Each structure stands twice: as C-alpha cells, then as structure tokens.
Amino acid sequence: MDAASKTAEGIKNTATVLDQKPSEYRSRYPRAFYGKEKFYRPYIPSDAEILWQLYHLDLDDLKHISLLSSFDIFPEETQKEDCYILALAYERIVFWSVRKNTLVWDFPTEALTDISIRPNLLQLLVKRPNEIVQVSVLVYYLN
C-alpha cells in the first residue's frame, strides 16, 4: 500500500512540475557576442548590459551594433556609484549612463579622428563634434 501511495504521489508531482513557468525575471543580462563574426568571450556584465540596453532603445542604428569592447568609466575616482559605460563598436561609439539608464551620446566611428591613452585617462577626438559631444567632457577615469 505504501509503495503504491508513493508511486502515485511521484506521478502527480511529475505531472504538476511541468505546469510551473520559469521566472520571467532574468538573473543577468544575456551574453554579449563580439564583432561582426559574433564570437564570444567569458561573460562580462558591462558588455552584456550595454548591448541589452541599446537593443531596447528605439534607435535602429544602435539596435544591432557589432561590439568590440566596453569600458567602465568614472568621472571622479571617489564616486564609484556614478558609473558610465563607453562601448566601442565597428559602427558607433556609445557613452551610456548606468545610474540614469540613458544614452549620454553616441557618434559613428567615421567621426573619430584620434584616441589618446594615458595612465587612467582616455581622450577621444572627433570631426565636427555635435552639441551633445561638445558639452560632454571626453576625458574620464578608466577602471
């Protein structure tokens, strides 16, 4: 009797486990794929986040960029909560505010004329900067 009862209970549990839906909330952003070839690297949270956020913007030229790399940027070394992501892609260079969850600026890579890299500093020089990029300070602390 006990064996039949446990068998029936097991069958019932097996049938009802398929009724449960997986969680609708992600525990992390989907993995980023890189370059036009869409190769993958070990999971990098900031790369995954920027691609996810750009995909869900209503801007077609940012939806399917070919990410090469991204950098965590801090305008002031002491304020780590005020973080930005600088994303370098074949098509565009994107500057994203993590705290505000908004696009700060972006421009096509053809507009880039020079990059200066010094210890903890990165400077981007662009042809004919638009007002958004001019207002933004282009030198930040790299993490």
C-alpha atoms as a PDB file:
ATOM      1  CA  MET A   1       0.000   0.000   0.000  1.00  0.00           C
ATOM      2  CA  ASP A   2       2.808   2.365   0.956  1.00  0.00           C
ATOM      3  CA  ALA A   3       4.672   1.717  -2.341  1.00  0.00           C
ATOM      4  CA  ALA A   4       1.509   2.351  -4.382  1.00  0.00           C
ATOM      5  CA  SER A   5       0.847   5.581  -2.461  1.00  0.00           C
ATOM      6  CA  LYS A   6       4.411   6.868  -3.008  1.00  0.00           C
ATOM      7  CA  THR A   7       4.286   5.903  -6.712  1.00  0.00           C
ATOM      8  CA  ALA A   8       1.018   7.795  -7.187  1.00  0.00           C
ATOM      9  CA  GLU A   9       2.467  10.810  -5.360  1.00  0.00           C
ATOM     10  CA  GLY A  10       5.551  10.738  -7.613  1.00  0.00           C
ATOM     11  CA  ILE A  11       3.402  10.592 -10.768  1.00  0.00           C
ATOM     12  CA  LYS A  12       1.330  13.546  -9.515  1.00  0.00           C
ATOM     13  CA  ASN A  13       4.450  15.610  -8.727  1.00  0.00           C
ATOM     14  CA  THR A  14       5.956  14.851 -12.136  1.00  0.00           C
ATOM     15  CA  ALA A  15       2.791  15.966 -13.896  1.00  0.00           C
ATOM     16  CA  THR A  16       2.491  19.248 -11.962  1.00  0.00           C
ATOM     17  CA  VAL A  17       6.161  20.260 -12.265  1.00  0.00           C
ATOM     18  CA  LEU A  18       5.595  20.901 -15.983  1.00  0.00           C
ATOM     19  CA  ASP A  19       2.848  23.415 -15.106  1.00  0.00           C
ATOM     20  CA  GLN A  20       5.332  25.737 -13.398  1.00  0.00           C
ATOM     21  CA  LYS A  21       6.617  28.581 -15.558  1.00  0.00           C
ATOM     22  CA  PRO A  22      10.240  29.680 -15.417  1.00  0.00           C
ATOM     23  CA  SER A  23      10.910  33.031 -13.816  1.00  0.00           C
ATOM     24  CA  GLU A  24      10.108  35.966 -16.085  1.00  0.00           C
ATOM     25  CA  TYR A  25      12.895  37.993 -14.472  1.00  0.00           C
ATOM     26  CA  ARG A  26      16.445  37.457 -15.654  1.00  0.00           C
ATOM     27  CA  SER A  27      19.206  36.991 -13.110  1.00  0.00           C
ATOM     28  CA  ARG A  28      21.676  38.615 -15.530  1.00  0.00           C
ATOM     29  CA  TYR A  29      21.732  40.202 -18.977  1.00  0.00           C
ATOM     30  CA  PRO A  30      22.164  37.874 -21.970  1.00  0.00           C
ATOM     31  CA  ARG A  31      25.724  37.142 -23.034  1.00  0.00           C
ATOM     32  CA  ALA A  32      27.362  39.613 -25.426  1.00  0.00           C
ATOM     33  CA  PHE A  33      28.694  38.468 -28.772  1.00  0.00           C
ATOM     34  CA  TYR A  34      31.534  40.446 -30.316  1.00  0.00           C
ATOM     35  CA  GLY A  35      32.457  41.818 -33.711  1.00  0.00           C
ATOM     36  CA  LYS A  36      30.772  41.134 -36.994  1.00  0.00           C
ATOM     37  CA  GLU A  37      31.643  37.446 -36.584  1.00  0.00           C
ATOM     38  CA  LYS A  38      29.647  37.315 -33.307  1.00  0.00           C
ATOM     39  CA  PHE A  39      32.317  35.382 -31.373  1.00  0.00           C
ATOM     40  CA  TYR A  40      32.021  35.104 -27.603  1.00  0.00           C
ATOM     41  CA  ARG A  41      34.295  35.700 -24.632  1.00  0.00           C
ATOM     42  CA  PRO A  42      33.846  34.943 -20.966  1.00  0.00           C
ATOM     43  CA  TYR A  43      30.788  36.724 -19.570  1.00  0.00           C
ATOM     44  CA  ILE A  44      31.421  40.454 -18.961  1.00  0.00           C
ATOM     45  CA  PRO A  45      28.495  42.127 -17.154  1.00  0.00           C
ATOM     46  CA  SER A  46      29.034  45.649 -18.556  1.00  0.00           C
ATOM     47  CA  ASP A  47      29.208  44.363 -22.159  1.00  0.00           C
ATOM     48  CA  ALA A  48      26.019  42.377 -21.679  1.00  0.00           C
ATOM     49  CA  GLU A  49      24.258  45.325 -20.038  1.00  0.00           C
ATOM     50  CA  ILE A  50      25.137  47.871 -22.732  1.00  0.00           C
ATOM     51  CA  LEU A  51      24.032  45.582 -25.572  1.00  0.00           C
ATOM     52  CA  TRP A  52      20.772  44.788 -23.792  1.00  0.00           C
ATOM     53  CA  GLN A  53      20.035  48.460 -23.109  1.00  0.00           C
ATOM     54  CA  LEU A  54      20.912  49.591 -26.645  1.00  0.00           C
ATOM     55  CA  TYR A  55      18.807  46.843 -28.164  1.00  0.00           C
ATOM     56  CA  HIS A  56      15.762  48.066 -26.243  1.00  0.00           C
ATOM     57  CA  LEU A  57      16.166  51.715 -27.280  1.00  0.00           C
ATOM     58  CA  ASP A  58      14.019  52.919 -30.139  1.00  0.00           C
ATOM     59  CA  LEU A  59      17.063  53.711 -32.301  1.00  0.00           C
ATOM     60  CA  ASP A  60      17.662  51.407 -35.259  1.00  0.00           C
ATOM     61  CA  ASP A  61      21.334  52.352 -35.699  1.00  0.00           C
ATOM     62  CA  LEU A  62      22.110  51.177 -32.127  1.00  0.00           C
ATOM     63  CA  LYS A  63      19.981  48.013 -32.047  1.00  0.00           C
ATOM     64  CA  HIS A  64      22.466  45.680 -33.720  1.00  0.00           C
ATOM     65  CA  ILE A  65      25.900  47.192 -33.224  1.00  0.00           C
ATOM     66  CA  SER A  66      28.954  44.948 -33.523  1.00  0.00           C
ATOM     67  CA  LEU A  67      30.503  45.424 -30.082  1.00  0.00           C
ATOM     68  CA  LEU A  68      34.287  45.221 -29.854  1.00  0.00           C
ATOM     69  CA  SER A  69      34.800  46.172 -26.224  1.00  0.00           C
ATOM     70  CA  SER A  70      33.450  48.325 -23.429  1.00  0.00           C
ATOM     71  CA  PHE A  71      34.981  50.162 -20.505  1.00  0.00           C
ATOM     72  CA  ASP A  72      33.602  51.163 -17.116  1.00  0.00           C
ATOM     73  CA  ILE A  73      34.155  54.913 -16.775  1.00  0.00           C
ATOM     74  CA  PHE A  74      34.109  57.014 -13.601  1.00  0.00           C
ATOM     75  CA  PRO A  75      34.114  60.830 -13.947  1.00  0.00           C
ATOM     76  CA  GLU A  76      35.609  61.077 -10.460  1.00  0.00           C
ATOM     77  CA  GLU A  77      37.631  58.324  -8.858  1.00  0.00           C
ATOM     78  CA  THR A  78      35.942  58.841  -5.491  1.00  0.00           C
ATOM     79  CA  GLN A  79      32.380  58.447  -6.836  1.00  0.00           C
ATOM     80  CA  LYS A  80      32.167  54.827  -7.958  1.00  0.00           C
ATOM     81  CA  GLU A  81      28.337  54.877  -7.970  1.00  0.00           C
ATOM     82  CA  ASP A  82      28.353  57.420 -10.835  1.00  0.00           C
ATOM     83  CA  CYS A  83      29.407  54.914 -13.493  1.00  0.00           C
ATOM     84  CA  TYR A  84      29.265  55.104 -17.274  1.00  0.00           C
ATOM     85  CA  ILE A  85      29.943  52.557 -19.991  1.00  0.00           C
ATOM     86  CA  LEU A  86      31.970  53.504 -23.056  1.00  0.00           C
ATOM     87  CA  ALA A  87      31.150  50.978 -25.783  1.00  0.00           C
ATOM     88  CA  LEU A  88      33.354  50.657 -28.857  1.00  0.00           C
ATOM     89  CA  ALA A  89      31.742  49.022 -31.873  1.00  0.00           C
ATOM     90  CA  TYR A  90      32.501  48.832 -35.584  1.00  0.00           C
ATOM     91  CA  GLU A  91      29.641  51.186 -36.384  1.00  0.00           C
ATOM     92  CA  ARG A  92      29.442  53.585 -33.426  1.00  0.00           C
ATOM     93  CA  ILE A  93      30.988  54.744 -30.177  1.00  0.00           C
ATOM     94  CA  VAL A  94      28.441  54.939 -27.369  1.00  0.00           C
ATOM     95  CA  PHE A  95      28.545  56.574 -23.945  1.00  0.00           C
ATOM     96  CA  TRP A  96      25.898  55.228 -21.534  1.00  0.00           C
ATOM     97  CA  SER A  97      24.964  56.433 -18.034  1.00  0.00           C
ATOM     98  CA  VAL A  98      24.407  53.402 -15.804  1.00  0.00           C
ATOM     99  CA  ARG A  99      22.921  55.380 -12.927  1.00  0.00           C
ATOM    100  CA  LYS A 100      20.421  57.262 -15.137  1.00  0.00           C
ATOM    101  CA  ASN A 101      19.994  54.311 -17.508  1.00  0.00           C
ATOM    102  CA  THR A 102      20.186  56.628 -20.535  1.00  0.00           C
ATOM    103  CA  LEU A 103      22.251  57.266 -23.619  1.00  0.00           C
ATOM    104  CA  VAL A 104      24.523  60.267 -22.993  1.00  0.00           C
ATOM    105  CA  TRP A 105      25.936  60.483 -26.533  1.00  0.00           C
ATOM    106  CA  ASP A 106      26.985  58.409 -29.488  1.00  0.00           C
ATOM    107  CA  PHE A 107      28.599  59.036 -32.851  1.00  0.00           C
ATOM    108  CA  PRO A 108      29.665  56.989 -35.873  1.00  0.00           C
ATOM    109  CA  THR A 109      33.205  55.647 -35.841  1.00  0.00           C
ATOM    110  CA  GLU A 110      33.970  57.559 -39.059  1.00  0.00           C
ATOM    111  CA  ALA A 111      33.798  60.776 -36.992  1.00  0.00           C
ATOM    112  CA  LEU A 112      36.646  59.621 -34.729  1.00  0.00           C
ATOM    113  CA  THR A 113      39.961  61.252 -35.661  1.00  0.00           C
ATOM    114  CA  ASP A 114      42.240  60.293 -32.775  1.00  0.00           C
ATOM    115  CA  ILE A 115      42.380  58.453 -29.471  1.00  0.00           C
ATOM    116  CA  SER A 116      44.883  59.417 -26.780  1.00  0.00           C
ATOM    117  CA  ILE A 117      45.510  56.942 -23.997  1.00  0.00           C
ATOM    118  CA  ARG A 118      47.498  57.817 -20.894  1.00  0.00           C
ATOM    119  CA  PRO A 119      47.548  56.137 -17.492  1.00  0.00           C
ATOM    120  CA  ASN A 120      43.936  56.177 -16.241  1.00  0.00           C
ATOM    121  CA  LEU A 121      42.845  58.610 -18.988  1.00  0.00           C
ATOM    122  CA  LEU A 122      41.221  58.264 -22.382  1.00  0.00           C
ATOM    123  CA  GLN A 123      40.625  61.148 -24.805  1.00  0.00           C
ATOM    124  CA  LEU A 124      38.519  60.856 -27.955  1.00  0.00           C
ATOM    125  CA  LEU A 125      38.867  63.465 -30.690  1.00  0.00           C
ATOM    126  CA  VAL A 126      36.079  63.744 -33.241  1.00  0.00           C
ATOM    127  CA  LYS A 127      35.488  65.611 -36.522  1.00  0.00           C
ATOM    128  CA  ARG A 128      32.793  68.266 -36.250  1.00  0.00           C
ATOM    129  CA  PRO A 129      31.513  67.299 -32.776  1.00  0.00           C
ATOM    130  CA  ASN A 130      27.813  67.834 -32.336  1.00  0.00           C
ATOM    131  CA  GLU A 131      26.481  69.779 -29.361  1.00  0.00           C
ATOM    132  CA  ILE A 132      25.951  66.689 -27.209  1.00  0.00           C
ATOM    133  CA  VAL A 133      29.558  65.534 -27.512  1.00  0.00           C
ATOM    134  CA  GLN A 134      30.928  69.083 -27.099  1.00  0.00           C
ATOM    135  CA  VAL A 135      29.108  69.507 -23.801  1.00  0.00           C
ATOM    136  CA  SER A 136      30.352  66.156 -22.521  1.00  0.00           C
ATOM    137  CA  VAL A 137      33.856  66.059 -21.149  1.00  0.00           C
ATOM    138  CA  LEU A 138      35.731  63.470 -23.178  1.00  0.00           C
ATOM    139  CA  VAL A 139      38.393  62.645 -20.614  1.00  0.00           C
ATOM    140  CA  TYR A 140      37.394  60.255 -17.831  1.00  0.00           C
ATOM    141  CA  TYR A 141      38.958  57.904 -15.353  1.00  0.00           C
ATOM    142  CA  LEU A 142      39.130  54.344 -16.609  1.00  0.00           C
ATOM    143  CA  ASN A 143      38.526  51.480 -14.243  1.00  0.00           C
END
